[in-house]
Amino acid sequence: MYKYDQYDQSIVDARVDEFRDQVTRRLAGQLTEDQFKPLRLMNGLYLQLHAYMLRVAIPYGTLDSRQMRTLASIARDYDRDYGHFTTRQNLQFNWIKLEDTPDILARLATVEMHAIQTSGNCIRNISSDQFAGAAADEVADPRPWAELIRQWSTFHPEFSYLPRKFKIAVIASDEDRAAMRLHDIGIQLVERDGELGGRIYVGGGMGRTPMIAPLIRDFVTADDLMSYLEAALRVYNRYGRRDNMYKARIKILVHEIGADEYRRQVEEEFLAVKALGIDPPAAELARITAMFAPPAFDTDAPDAVDRSDPDFAVWLDQNVRAHKQLGHAIVTISLKPVGGIPGDASSAQIDLVADLAERYSFDELRVTHAQNLVLPHVRKADLYTIWQQLTDAGLAEANLDLVTDIIACPGLDYCSLANARSIPLAQKIAVRFADRSRDLGELKLKISGCINACGHHHAGHIGILGVDKKGTENYQLSFGGSGAEDVSLAKITGPGFDEDGVVEAIERATDTYVALREEGERFLDTYRRVGMQPFKDAIYG
């Protein structure tokens, strides 16, 4: 894992002191809310429907047990005893008092954490593959590259006030586990002629106008990466719309001028930026990479697993993935118990996962963009013990990538931007399909409470968007989306439904899928093969 140096720690400590002074002045009435708003947003503090919400950065989703325990302690001491893991691999506390925020940030700083650039029109938390460093299919660990980008983008003076927020993802395999092409910039590490480099996609995103990022450059070496990203951001910063927030994202710029013209301008800018010499020396990437060295695996660890317990065997098949090291495995911990709130974990559960990481996963864990947690380096011999402890804590739901593994934003229960509730709908769907989820196979269902698409509904095999229809909550249903390597955008089926109606519509749609599917087909595969009409006929009758 990356460890702060003196510069990192100084930056974070100085920001805490600065924000403490700003909060003191706000509480004393020396700052109005309008004056304070941009200051708090720079520190990840939002004012939601009922309270302040603090969004804590978890760079590329990686953290250790001491950081997890600190998050648990904040949940106990300052929130309502839980935290909410998000689709950006961050964590949110939803019930924060303004006067407590400086102390919370100070506590985070003691374990190399902060809330910087988790809000505002800047480069947000860099995301990555939750299996990074463990996956058998990666060409390299993408996290050193993500860390290099994090350092470059933190407080970057030219990109602190972009036309709109900006999101970057880095992966290193052909299987996309981070929805890379639905980011403003997506980077896939690839090898060419024995050299490691990045394939660069620009102009993806969800929200009001969803788009899939086109390929802008087929190969950028590590030596040129920062200059190329700088050029890509400069073109956006120069021409991005600041007169209309709905057309301010880079996806709109790339779409309007065309990928070819955007590429031409970036290449031209790249030559100018490269001459400035901003790329770090190779030794710096090597220094960062050394911090992500593989742990000391037990090379004699047995590879066989006793599957005699049938419930354990189901969990193994659903939530455990292959590791690059023989005798080890990757464990996904579901935060989607049937009837629970997707992404929520109590302080006790957070502490338990910290304990498991420290004892069984080389003191490392991950947050996924699907609002789950991962123990990346587990000996297969320890899997049964881990499963038993997760079962006792209500964290052993065997539903990874099934219909009950629902992504859902906080919705109208918390968010001031939402038009409809997401959480009760997710709970209702999970309960309805709990007994059928395994038969339905891989089926990614995603719910957003408004057009901002924090629940990634555009990328759902089944996507649900909550809208306001003449003062009542209404839910639009979409089919055919994917954030994976077979990336696609979901299409709306037709008129929306009330809460109960959309659950019934999903049931009719899945019944249609079961009737029409061929051997080995997912819901998404069947939909792509037969098209929308059979599903519309079933839904609308």
Protein backbone atom coordinates (compact mmCIF):
# COMPACT_ATOMS: atom_id res chain seq x y z
CA MET A 1 0.00 0.00 0.00
CA TYR A 2 1.03 3.59 -0.58
CA LYS A 3 2.28 5.35 2.55
CA TYR A 4 2.24 9.10 3.06
CA ASP A 5 5.53 10.94 2.85
CA GLN A 6 6.15 14.22 4.68
CA TYR A 7 4.57 16.20 1.86
CA ASP A 8 1.35 14.19 1.88
CA GLN A 9 1.01 14.49 5.65
CA SER A 10 1.80 18.20 5.66
CA ILE A 11 -0.80 18.88 2.97
CA VAL A 12 -3.53 17.01 4.83
CA ASP A 13 -2.67 18.49 8.24
CA ALA A 14 -2.62 22.02 6.82
CA ARG A 15 -6.01 21.48 5.19
CA VAL A 16 -7.49 20.31 8.52
CA ASP A 17 -6.22 23.44 10.30
CA GLU A 18 -7.53 25.65 7.51
CA PHE A 19 -10.97 24.07 7.56
CA ARG A 20 -11.16 24.23 11.36
CA ASP A 21 -10.76 27.99 11.11
CA GLN A 22 -13.41 28.19 8.37
CA VAL A 23 -15.91 26.19 10.42
CA THR A 24 -15.25 28.36 13.47
CA ARG A 25 -15.98 31.47 11.44
CA ARG A 26 -19.14 29.92 9.95
CA LEU A 27 -20.47 28.94 13.39
CA ALA A 28 -19.70 32.45 14.66
CA GLY A 29 -21.69 33.98 11.81
CA GLN A 30 -18.64 35.54 10.21
CA LEU A 31 -19.24 33.55 7.01
CA THR A 32 -22.62 33.22 5.29
CA GLU A 33 -23.72 29.88 3.91
CA ASP A 34 -23.07 31.16 0.39
CA GLN A 35 -19.53 32.08 1.38
CA PHE A 36 -19.00 28.82 3.26
CA LYS A 37 -20.45 26.47 0.65
CA PRO A 38 -17.45 26.36 -1.73
CA LEU A 39 -15.11 25.96 1.25
CA ARG A 40 -16.97 22.97 2.71
CA LEU A 41 -17.36 21.33 -0.70
CA MET A 42 -13.59 21.47 -1.13
CA ASN A 43 -13.48 19.30 1.97
CA GLY A 44 -16.13 16.80 0.92
CA LEU A 45 -18.87 18.22 3.15
CA TYR A 46 -22.36 18.37 1.62
CA LEU A 47 -25.56 19.74 3.13
CA GLN A 48 -28.19 17.07 2.46
CA LEU A 49 -31.90 16.91 3.27
CA HIS A 50 -31.54 16.26 6.99
CA ALA A 51 -27.89 16.77 7.95
CA TYR A 52 -24.40 17.30 6.65
CA MET A 53 -22.82 14.42 4.74
CA LEU A 54 -19.05 13.91 4.73
CA ARG A 55 -17.51 11.97 1.85
CA VAL A 56 -14.17 10.37 2.72
CA ALA A 57 -11.70 9.59 -0.07
CA ILE A 58 -10.43 6.03 -0.44
CA PRO A 59 -7.94 6.31 -3.33
CA TYR A 60 -8.41 3.48 -5.84
CA GLY A 61 -10.47 1.71 -3.17
CA THR A 62 -7.49 0.46 -1.14
CA LEU A 63 -7.17 0.72 2.64
CA ASP A 64 -5.84 -1.18 5.64
CA SER A 65 -7.20 -2.29 9.01
CA ARG A 66 -6.19 0.81 10.97
CA GLN A 67 -7.96 3.01 8.43
CA MET A 68 -11.06 0.82 8.55
CA ARG A 69 -11.09 0.94 12.35
CA THR A 70 -10.84 4.71 12.21
CA LEU A 71 -13.86 4.82 9.90
CA ALA A 72 -15.72 2.59 12.37
CA SER A 73 -14.80 4.88 15.26
CA ILE A 74 -16.10 7.93 13.39
CA ALA A 75 -19.34 6.09 12.65
CA ARG A 76 -19.76 5.38 16.37
CA ASP A 77 -18.67 8.76 17.69
CA TYR A 78 -20.07 11.17 15.11
CA ASP A 79 -22.68 9.40 12.96
CA ARG A 80 -25.50 6.93 13.65
CA ASP A 81 -23.15 3.97 13.96
CA TYR A 82 -22.76 3.16 10.27
CA GLY A 83 -21.04 4.24 7.09
CA HIS A 84 -22.17 4.06 3.46
CA PHE A 85 -19.74 2.76 0.82
CA THR A 86 -20.25 4.43 -2.55
CA THR A 87 -19.94 3.72 -6.26
CA ARG A 88 -16.74 5.81 -6.34
CA GLN A 89 -15.01 3.50 -3.84
CA ASN A 90 -15.43 6.15 -1.14
CA LEU A 91 -17.30 6.17 2.16
CA GLN A 92 -19.98 8.63 3.24
CA PHE A 93 -21.17 9.58 6.72
CA ASN A 94 -24.73 10.84 6.40
CA TRP A 95 -25.47 12.39 9.82
CA ILE A 96 -22.57 14.74 10.56
CA LYS A 97 -22.73 17.88 12.72
CA LEU A 98 -20.90 20.84 11.29
CA GLU A 99 -19.05 21.57 14.53
CA ASP A 100 -17.62 18.00 14.53
CA THR A 101 -16.17 18.02 11.03
CA PRO A 102 -12.73 19.47 11.90
CA ASP A 103 -12.22 16.79 14.57
CA ILE A 104 -13.34 14.08 12.13
CA LEU A 105 -10.90 15.29 9.48
CA ALA A 106 -8.14 15.48 12.10
CA ARG A 107 -8.84 11.88 13.11
CA LEU A 108 -8.73 10.80 9.46
CA ALA A 109 -5.39 12.57 9.01
CA THR A 110 -3.81 10.39 11.72
CA VAL A 111 -4.29 7.35 9.47
CA GLU A 112 -3.42 8.94 6.11
CA MET A 113 -6.98 9.72 5.05
CA HIS A 114 -8.87 12.86 4.06
CA ALA A 115 -11.91 14.19 2.22
CA ILE A 116 -10.06 16.43 -0.23
CA GLN A 117 -11.41 16.59 -3.79
CA THR A 118 -14.35 14.31 -3.07
CA SER A 119 -16.55 17.19 -4.23
CA GLY A 120 -16.40 20.22 -6.47
CA ASN A 121 -15.39 20.85 -10.07
CA CYS A 122 -12.04 19.15 -9.76
CA ILE A 123 -10.45 15.76 -10.41
CA ARG A 124 -12.21 13.42 -8.00
CA ASN A 125 -11.01 10.24 -6.28
CA ILE A 126 -9.08 8.05 -8.75
CA SER A 127 -10.82 4.69 -9.04
CA SER A 128 -9.49 1.30 -10.10
CA ASP A 129 -10.13 -2.42 -10.27
CA GLN A 130 -10.97 -3.77 -6.82
CA PHE A 131 -8.98 -6.92 -7.65
CA ALA A 132 -5.83 -4.93 -8.53
CA GLY A 133 -2.64 -6.66 -7.47
CA ALA A 134 -4.47 -9.96 -7.02
CA ALA A 135 -6.22 -10.71 -10.31
CA ALA A 136 -4.71 -13.40 -12.49
CA ASP A 137 -5.66 -11.57 -15.69
CA GLU A 138 -3.94 -8.20 -15.15
CA VAL A 139 -0.80 -7.17 -17.04
CA ALA A 140 0.38 -5.15 -14.04
CA ASP A 141 -0.94 -3.69 -10.82
CA PRO A 142 -2.75 -0.51 -11.92
CA ARG A 143 -2.60 1.16 -8.51
CA PRO A 144 0.91 2.69 -8.86
CA TRP A 145 -0.40 4.48 -11.95
CA ALA A 146 -3.52 5.53 -10.07
CA GLU A 147 -1.38 6.84 -7.21
CA LEU A 148 0.81 8.78 -9.62
CA ILE A 149 -2.32 10.37 -11.08
CA ARG A 150 -3.64 11.12 -7.59
CA GLN A 151 -0.47 12.99 -6.70
CA TRP A 152 -0.46 14.88 -10.00
CA SER A 153 -4.12 15.88 -9.65
CA THR A 154 -4.18 16.84 -5.97
CA PHE A 155 -4.44 20.64 -5.75
CA HIS A 156 -3.39 20.94 -9.39
CA PRO A 157 -3.68 24.72 -9.82
CA GLU A 158 -4.90 24.61 -13.41
CA PHE A 159 -7.59 22.01 -12.74
CA SER A 160 -9.00 23.13 -9.38
CA TYR A 161 -11.95 24.89 -11.04
CA LEU A 162 -12.82 22.82 -14.07
CA PRO A 163 -16.10 23.36 -15.94
CA ARG A 164 -17.47 20.34 -14.07
CA LYS A 165 -16.38 17.42 -11.88
CA PHE A 166 -13.91 15.01 -13.45
CA LYS A 167 -13.49 11.27 -12.90
CA ILE A 168 -10.60 8.99 -13.89
CA ALA A 169 -10.36 5.18 -13.70
CA VAL A 170 -7.34 2.91 -14.27
CA ILE A 171 -7.55 -0.82 -15.00
CA ALA A 172 -5.03 -3.39 -16.21
CA SER A 173 -7.00 -6.27 -17.71
CA ASP A 174 -9.33 -6.93 -20.59
CA GLU A 175 -12.08 -7.64 -18.10
CA ASP A 176 -13.35 -4.25 -16.96
CA ARG A 177 -14.34 -4.36 -13.30
CA ALA A 178 -14.36 -0.56 -12.86
CA ALA A 179 -16.71 0.72 -15.61
CA MET A 180 -13.65 2.38 -17.11
CA ARG A 181 -15.27 3.61 -20.34
CA LEU A 182 -18.02 5.37 -18.41
CA HIS A 183 -15.48 7.78 -16.91
CA ASP A 184 -14.29 11.17 -18.12
CA ILE A 185 -10.93 9.50 -18.72
CA GLY A 186 -10.46 5.75 -18.68
CA ILE A 187 -7.02 4.16 -18.81
CA GLN A 188 -6.38 0.51 -19.58
CA LEU A 189 -2.82 -0.66 -19.03
CA VAL A 190 -1.56 -2.78 -21.91
CA GLU A 191 1.75 -4.17 -23.12
CA ARG A 192 3.20 -3.37 -26.51
CA ASP A 193 6.50 -4.80 -27.69
CA GLY A 194 7.41 -5.62 -24.12
CA GLU A 195 6.68 -2.12 -22.81
CA LEU A 196 3.88 -1.24 -20.42
CA GLY A 197 1.66 1.66 -21.37
CA GLY A 198 -1.88 2.96 -21.29
CA ARG A 199 -4.77 2.92 -23.75
CA ILE A 200 -6.63 6.20 -23.24
CA TYR A 201 -10.40 6.67 -23.52
CA VAL A 202 -11.93 10.14 -23.05
CA GLY A 203 -15.48 11.41 -22.85
CA GLY A 204 -17.50 8.78 -21.03
CA GLY A 205 -20.01 9.32 -18.27
CA MET A 206 -23.52 8.77 -17.07
CA GLY A 207 -25.87 11.41 -15.69
CA ARG A 208 -28.30 13.38 -17.83
CA THR A 209 -26.52 12.52 -21.10
CA PRO A 210 -24.86 9.10 -20.84
CA MET A 211 -21.99 8.38 -23.22
CA ILE A 212 -19.36 5.72 -23.75
CA ALA A 213 -15.84 7.09 -24.02
CA PRO A 214 -14.21 6.70 -27.44
CA LEU A 215 -10.60 5.61 -27.80
CA ILE A 216 -8.43 8.72 -28.07
CA ARG A 217 -4.95 7.22 -28.00
CA ASP A 218 -4.02 3.59 -28.44
CA PHE A 219 -0.81 3.72 -26.42
CA VAL A 220 0.88 6.15 -24.04
CA THR A 221 4.04 5.13 -22.19
CA ALA A 222 4.55 5.72 -18.50
CA ASP A 223 7.12 8.37 -19.40
CA ASP A 224 4.47 10.37 -21.27
CA LEU A 225 1.36 9.69 -19.20
CA MET A 226 1.27 12.86 -17.09
CA SER A 227 1.93 15.09 -20.10
CA TYR A 228 -0.82 13.37 -22.06
CA LEU A 229 -3.35 13.67 -19.24
CA GLU A 230 -2.35 17.29 -18.75
CA ALA A 231 -2.98 17.94 -22.44
CA ALA A 232 -6.35 16.17 -22.34
CA LEU A 233 -7.44 18.25 -19.34
CA ARG A 234 -6.13 21.50 -20.84
CA VAL A 235 -8.24 21.11 -23.97
CA TYR A 236 -11.29 20.44 -21.81
CA ASN A 237 -10.53 23.32 -19.45
CA ARG A 238 -10.16 25.64 -22.42
CA TYR A 239 -13.34 24.74 -24.29
CA GLY A 240 -15.63 23.05 -21.74
CA ARG A 241 -18.99 24.78 -21.27
CA ARG A 242 -19.14 26.99 -18.19
CA ASP A 243 -22.40 28.67 -19.18
CA ASN A 244 -24.51 25.54 -18.80
CA MET A 245 -23.81 22.97 -16.06
CA TYR A 246 -25.82 20.35 -17.93
CA LYS A 247 -23.44 20.60 -20.89
CA ALA A 248 -20.24 21.13 -18.94
CA ARG A 249 -18.83 17.60 -18.78
CA ILE A 250 -16.01 16.58 -21.12
CA LYS A 251 -18.28 14.01 -22.77
CA ILE A 252 -20.29 16.90 -24.25
CA LEU A 253 -17.16 18.57 -25.62
CA VAL A 254 -15.88 15.34 -27.20
CA HIS A 255 -19.31 14.63 -28.65
CA GLU A 256 -19.83 18.13 -30.08
CA ILE A 257 -16.44 18.64 -31.71
CA GLY A 258 -16.00 14.93 -32.46
CA ALA A 259 -13.45 12.45 -31.18
CA ASP A 260 -11.13 13.08 -34.12
CA GLU A 261 -10.97 16.83 -33.56
CA TYR A 262 -10.58 16.41 -29.83
CA ARG A 263 -7.77 13.92 -30.46
CA ARG A 264 -6.08 16.34 -32.85
CA GLN A 265 -6.14 19.14 -30.31
CA VAL A 266 -4.88 16.93 -27.51
CA GLU A 267 -2.00 15.68 -29.64
CA GLU A 268 -1.07 19.26 -30.48
CA GLU A 269 -1.26 20.29 -26.84
CA PHE A 270 0.67 17.21 -25.81
CA LEU A 271 3.71 18.30 -27.82
CA ALA A 272 3.68 21.65 -26.04
CA VAL A 273 3.20 20.14 -22.60
CA LYS A 274 5.85 17.49 -23.13
CA ALA A 275 8.39 20.21 -23.74
CA LEU A 276 7.72 21.58 -20.24
CA GLY A 277 9.18 18.46 -18.65
CA ILE A 278 6.39 17.85 -16.13
CA ASP A 279 6.58 14.06 -16.29
CA PRO A 280 8.17 12.60 -13.16
CA PRO A 281 11.40 10.63 -13.54
CA ALA A 282 11.06 6.89 -13.97
CA ALA A 283 12.48 6.52 -10.48
CA GLU A 284 9.35 8.13 -9.00
CA LEU A 285 7.01 5.58 -10.57
CA ALA A 286 9.44 2.88 -9.44
CA ARG A 287 9.35 4.29 -5.88
CA ILE A 288 5.56 4.22 -5.83
CA THR A 289 5.43 0.79 -7.45
CA ALA A 290 7.68 -0.62 -4.72
CA MET A 291 5.01 0.28 -2.15
CA PHE A 292 2.59 -2.03 -3.95
CA ALA A 293 4.92 -5.02 -3.97
CA PRO A 294 3.08 -8.34 -3.60
CA PRO A 295 2.83 -9.59 -0.02
CA ALA A 296 4.82 -12.56 1.20
CA PHE A 297 2.46 -15.26 0.00
CA ASP A 298 2.59 -18.75 1.45
CA THR A 299 3.86 -20.56 -1.62
CA ASP A 300 3.14 -23.91 0.06
CA ALA A 301 -0.49 -23.04 0.82
CA PRO A 302 -2.83 -25.89 -0.17
CA ASP A 303 -4.98 -25.20 -3.20
CA ALA A 304 -7.84 -27.55 -2.37
CA VAL A 305 -10.89 -26.42 -0.41
CA ASP A 306 -13.27 -28.66 1.54
CA ARG A 307 -16.71 -28.02 0.03
CA SER A 308 -18.67 -30.45 2.19
CA ASP A 309 -20.74 -27.68 3.79
CA PRO A 310 -23.33 -26.88 1.07
CA ASP A 311 -23.94 -23.29 2.21
CA PHE A 312 -20.21 -22.61 2.22
CA ALA A 313 -19.92 -24.14 -1.25
CA VAL A 314 -22.58 -21.76 -2.58
CA TRP A 315 -20.69 -18.78 -1.13
CA LEU A 316 -17.42 -20.08 -2.60
CA ASP A 317 -18.91 -20.31 -6.08
CA GLN A 318 -20.53 -16.88 -5.94
CA ASN A 319 -18.26 -14.59 -3.92
CA VAL A 320 -14.75 -16.06 -4.28
CA ARG A 321 -12.56 -15.45 -7.33
CA ALA A 322 -9.27 -16.83 -8.66
CA HIS A 323 -6.03 -15.30 -7.42
CA LYS A 324 -2.76 -15.03 -9.31
CA GLN A 325 -1.02 -16.95 -6.49
CA LEU A 326 -1.72 -20.66 -6.14
CA GLY A 327 -3.36 -21.53 -2.82
CA HIS A 328 -4.93 -18.07 -2.44
CA ALA A 329 -8.23 -16.48 -3.41
CA ILE A 330 -10.03 -13.13 -3.66
CA VAL A 331 -13.05 -12.76 -1.38
CA THR A 332 -15.88 -10.30 -2.02
CA ILE A 333 -17.87 -9.39 1.09
CA SER A 334 -21.43 -8.52 0.20
CA LEU A 335 -22.93 -5.38 1.74
CA LYS A 336 -26.29 -6.37 0.25
CA PRO A 337 -28.11 -8.52 2.79
CA VAL A 338 -31.65 -9.24 1.65
CA GLY A 339 -33.81 -6.41 2.94
CA GLY A 340 -30.79 -4.31 3.92
CA ILE A 341 -29.54 -0.96 2.59
CA PRO A 342 -27.05 -1.45 -0.26
CA GLY A 343 -23.56 -0.29 0.70
CA ASP A 344 -24.26 0.30 4.41
CA ALA A 345 -22.12 -1.28 7.13
CA SER A 346 -22.35 -0.83 10.89
CA SER A 347 -19.31 0.16 12.93
CA ALA A 348 -19.16 -3.38 14.31
CA GLN A 349 -19.18 -4.84 10.79
CA ILE A 350 -16.50 -2.38 9.66
CA ASP A 351 -14.37 -3.39 12.66
CA LEU A 352 -14.88 -7.08 11.87
CA VAL A 353 -13.75 -6.63 8.27
CA ALA A 354 -10.70 -4.75 9.55
CA ASP A 355 -9.90 -7.69 11.82
CA LEU A 356 -10.30 -10.17 8.96
CA ALA A 357 -8.06 -8.10 6.70
CA GLU A 358 -5.37 -7.83 9.34
CA ARG A 359 -5.42 -11.52 10.17
CA TYR A 360 -6.15 -13.19 6.84
CA SER A 361 -5.45 -10.73 3.97
CA PHE A 362 -2.04 -9.19 4.68
CA ASP A 363 -3.75 -6.19 6.32
CA GLU A 364 -5.32 -5.02 3.06
CA LEU A 365 -8.86 -4.63 1.79
CA ARG A 366 -10.74 -2.89 -1.00
CA VAL A 367 -13.97 -1.04 -1.69
CA THR A 368 -15.71 -1.90 -4.98
CA HIS A 369 -17.66 0.41 -7.25
CA ALA A 370 -20.58 -1.97 -6.70
CA GLN A 371 -20.67 -0.98 -2.99
CA ASN A 372 -19.11 -4.16 -1.61
CA LEU A 373 -15.80 -4.92 0.14
CA VAL A 374 -12.95 -7.22 -0.87
CA LEU A 375 -10.28 -9.19 0.97
CA PRO A 376 -7.78 -9.45 -1.90
CA HIS A 377 -5.21 -11.96 -0.61
CA VAL A 378 -6.75 -14.84 1.34
CA ARG A 379 -5.28 -18.31 1.78
CA LYS A 380 -7.78 -20.89 0.63
CA ALA A 381 -7.19 -22.75 3.88
CA ASP A 382 -8.72 -19.77 5.74
CA LEU A 383 -11.83 -19.39 3.60
CA TYR A 384 -14.13 -21.49 5.77
CA THR A 385 -13.16 -19.62 8.95
CA ILE A 386 -13.70 -16.27 7.21
CA TRP A 387 -17.09 -17.40 5.92
CA GLN A 388 -18.18 -18.45 9.41
CA GLN A 389 -17.24 -15.07 10.87
CA LEU A 390 -18.96 -13.22 8.04
CA THR A 391 -22.06 -15.35 8.52
CA ASP A 392 -22.21 -14.47 12.21
CA ALA A 393 -21.96 -10.76 11.30
CA GLY A 394 -24.61 -10.83 8.54
CA LEU A 395 -22.01 -10.30 5.82
CA ALA A 396 -22.02 -13.66 4.04
CA GLU A 397 -24.77 -13.11 1.48
CA ALA A 398 -23.74 -15.21 -1.54
CA ASN A 399 -25.08 -12.84 -4.17
CA LEU A 400 -22.17 -11.22 -6.03
CA ASP A 401 -23.45 -10.05 -9.45
CA LEU A 402 -26.90 -11.51 -8.86
CA VAL A 403 -30.15 -9.56 -8.98
CA THR A 404 -30.04 -8.96 -5.21
CA ASP A 405 -26.53 -7.42 -5.43
CA ILE A 406 -28.19 -4.09 -6.15
CA ILE A 407 -26.35 -0.80 -6.62
CA ALA A 408 -28.48 2.03 -5.23
CA CYS A 409 -27.82 5.67 -4.47
CA PRO A 410 -29.09 7.14 -1.15
CA GLY A 411 -32.03 8.67 -3.05
CA LEU A 412 -34.74 10.84 -1.56
CA ASP A 413 -34.18 9.44 1.93
CA TYR A 414 -31.02 11.57 2.13
CA CYS A 415 -30.15 13.46 -1.04
CA SER A 416 -31.46 16.95 -1.73
CA LEU A 417 -31.11 16.37 -5.49
CA ALA A 418 -33.16 13.18 -5.63
CA ASN A 419 -36.66 12.89 -7.08
CA ALA A 420 -37.49 9.45 -5.72
CA ARG A 421 -36.45 6.98 -3.06
CA SER A 422 -33.96 4.30 -4.03
CA ILE A 423 -33.41 2.44 -0.77
CA PRO A 424 -36.95 1.14 -0.11
CA LEU A 425 -37.24 0.03 -3.72
CA ALA A 426 -33.92 -1.84 -3.55
CA GLN A 427 -35.06 -3.55 -0.37
CA LYS A 428 -38.38 -4.54 -1.90
CA ILE A 429 -36.74 -5.98 -5.04
CA ALA A 430 -34.17 -7.91 -3.01
CA VAL A 431 -36.87 -9.50 -0.88
CA ARG A 432 -39.01 -10.36 -3.93
CA PHE A 433 -36.14 -12.08 -5.76
CA ALA A 434 -34.21 -13.60 -2.85
CA ASP A 435 -35.35 -17.14 -3.63
CA ARG A 436 -34.90 -16.78 -7.40
CA SER A 437 -31.64 -14.89 -7.69
CA ARG A 438 -29.41 -17.89 -8.27
CA ASP A 439 -31.66 -19.30 -10.99
CA LEU A 440 -31.58 -15.93 -12.79
CA GLY A 441 -27.77 -15.93 -12.83
CA GLU A 442 -25.72 -12.81 -13.47
CA LEU A 443 -28.13 -9.90 -13.52
CA LYS A 444 -26.84 -6.47 -12.51
CA LEU A 445 -29.64 -4.22 -11.28
CA LYS A 446 -28.90 -0.56 -10.55
CA ILE A 447 -31.12 2.20 -9.15
CA SER A 448 -30.71 5.99 -9.28
CA GLY A 449 -33.01 8.39 -7.48
CA CYS A 450 -32.43 11.16 -10.02
CA ILE A 451 -30.95 11.90 -13.42
CA ASN A 452 -27.46 12.42 -11.95
CA ALA A 453 -27.16 8.60 -12.06
CA CYS A 454 -25.16 8.04 -8.87
CA GLY A 455 -26.69 4.54 -8.89
CA HIS A 456 -25.30 3.88 -12.40
CA HIS A 457 -28.70 2.90 -13.80
CA HIS A 458 -27.50 3.52 -17.36
CA ALA A 459 -25.04 0.62 -16.91
CA GLY A 460 -27.49 -1.85 -15.41
CA HIS A 461 -28.61 -5.01 -17.16
CA ILE A 462 -31.77 -3.67 -15.57
CA GLY A 463 -31.65 0.01 -14.69
CA ILE A 464 -34.17 2.02 -12.73
CA LEU A 465 -34.39 5.82 -12.68
CA GLY A 466 -36.56 7.61 -10.18
CA VAL A 467 -38.30 10.73 -11.54
CA ASP A 468 -40.84 13.23 -10.26
CA LYS A 469 -44.12 12.89 -12.14
CA LYS A 470 -46.47 15.67 -11.10
CA GLY A 471 -45.40 15.45 -7.48
CA THR A 472 -45.33 11.65 -7.22
CA GLU A 473 -42.43 9.24 -7.40
CA ASN A 474 -42.25 7.42 -10.71
CA TYR A 475 -39.72 4.85 -11.89
CA GLN A 476 -38.45 4.46 -15.44
CA LEU A 477 -37.26 0.98 -16.35
CA SER A 478 -34.33 0.36 -18.72
CA PHE A 479 -32.71 -2.78 -20.13
CA GLY A 480 -29.42 -3.64 -21.77
CA GLY A 481 -26.76 -1.61 -20.00
CA SER A 482 -23.30 -2.79 -19.01
CA GLY A 483 -20.31 -1.14 -17.39
CA ALA A 484 -18.05 -4.07 -18.14
CA GLU A 485 -15.83 -4.73 -21.17
CA ASP A 486 -19.01 -5.28 -23.21
CA VAL A 487 -20.00 -1.72 -22.33
CA SER A 488 -23.42 -0.50 -23.43
CA LEU A 489 -26.08 1.97 -22.34
CA ALA A 490 -29.48 0.80 -21.18
CA LYS A 491 -32.59 1.76 -23.17
CA ILE A 492 -35.85 2.89 -21.60
CA THR A 493 -38.67 0.37 -21.98
CA GLY A 494 -41.52 2.86 -22.05
CA PRO A 495 -43.82 4.59 -19.54
CA GLY A 496 -42.76 4.48 -15.89
CA PHE A 497 -44.29 2.78 -12.87
CA ASP A 498 -44.98 3.41 -9.22
CA GLU A 499 -42.87 1.52 -6.67
CA ASP A 500 -44.97 -1.64 -6.61
CA GLY A 501 -45.51 -1.50 -10.35
CA VAL A 502 -41.81 -1.47 -11.19
CA VAL A 503 -41.21 -4.52 -8.99
CA GLU A 504 -43.97 -6.36 -10.85
CA ALA A 505 -42.54 -5.23 -14.19
CA ILE A 506 -39.12 -6.61 -13.27
CA GLU A 507 -40.70 -9.91 -12.35
CA ARG A 508 -42.46 -10.12 -15.71
CA ALA A 509 -39.24 -9.23 -17.47
CA THR A 510 -37.24 -11.90 -15.68
CA ASP A 511 -39.97 -14.47 -16.36
CA THR A 512 -39.64 -13.58 -20.05
CA TYR A 513 -35.89 -14.00 -19.84
CA VAL A 514 -36.22 -17.46 -18.26
CA ALA A 515 -38.64 -18.49 -21.00
CA LEU A 516 -36.44 -17.24 -23.84
CA ARG A 517 -32.87 -17.81 -22.66
CA GLU A 518 -30.55 -20.24 -24.35
CA GLU A 519 -27.91 -22.33 -22.64
CA GLY A 520 -25.41 -20.15 -20.77
CA GLU A 521 -27.09 -16.83 -21.54
CA ARG A 522 -27.26 -14.03 -19.00
CA PHE A 523 -30.26 -11.72 -18.91
CA LEU A 524 -28.15 -9.23 -20.86
CA ASP A 525 -27.26 -11.79 -23.53
CA THR A 526 -30.87 -12.80 -24.07
CA TYR A 527 -31.98 -9.19 -24.25
CA ARG A 528 -29.32 -8.42 -26.86
CA ARG A 529 -30.29 -11.46 -28.90
CA VAL A 530 -34.09 -11.05 -28.94
CA GLY A 531 -34.35 -7.27 -28.54
CA MET A 532 -36.68 -5.12 -26.49
CA GLN A 533 -40.05 -6.12 -27.96
CA PRO A 534 -40.65 -9.44 -26.13
CA PHE A 535 -39.90 -7.71 -22.84
CA LYS A 536 -42.15 -4.75 -23.63
CA ASP A 537 -44.96 -7.12 -24.55
CA ALA A 538 -44.59 -8.87 -21.21
CA ILE A 539 -44.32 -5.68 -19.18
CA TYR A 540 -47.05 -3.60 -20.78
CA GLY A 541 -49.24 -6.47 -21.97
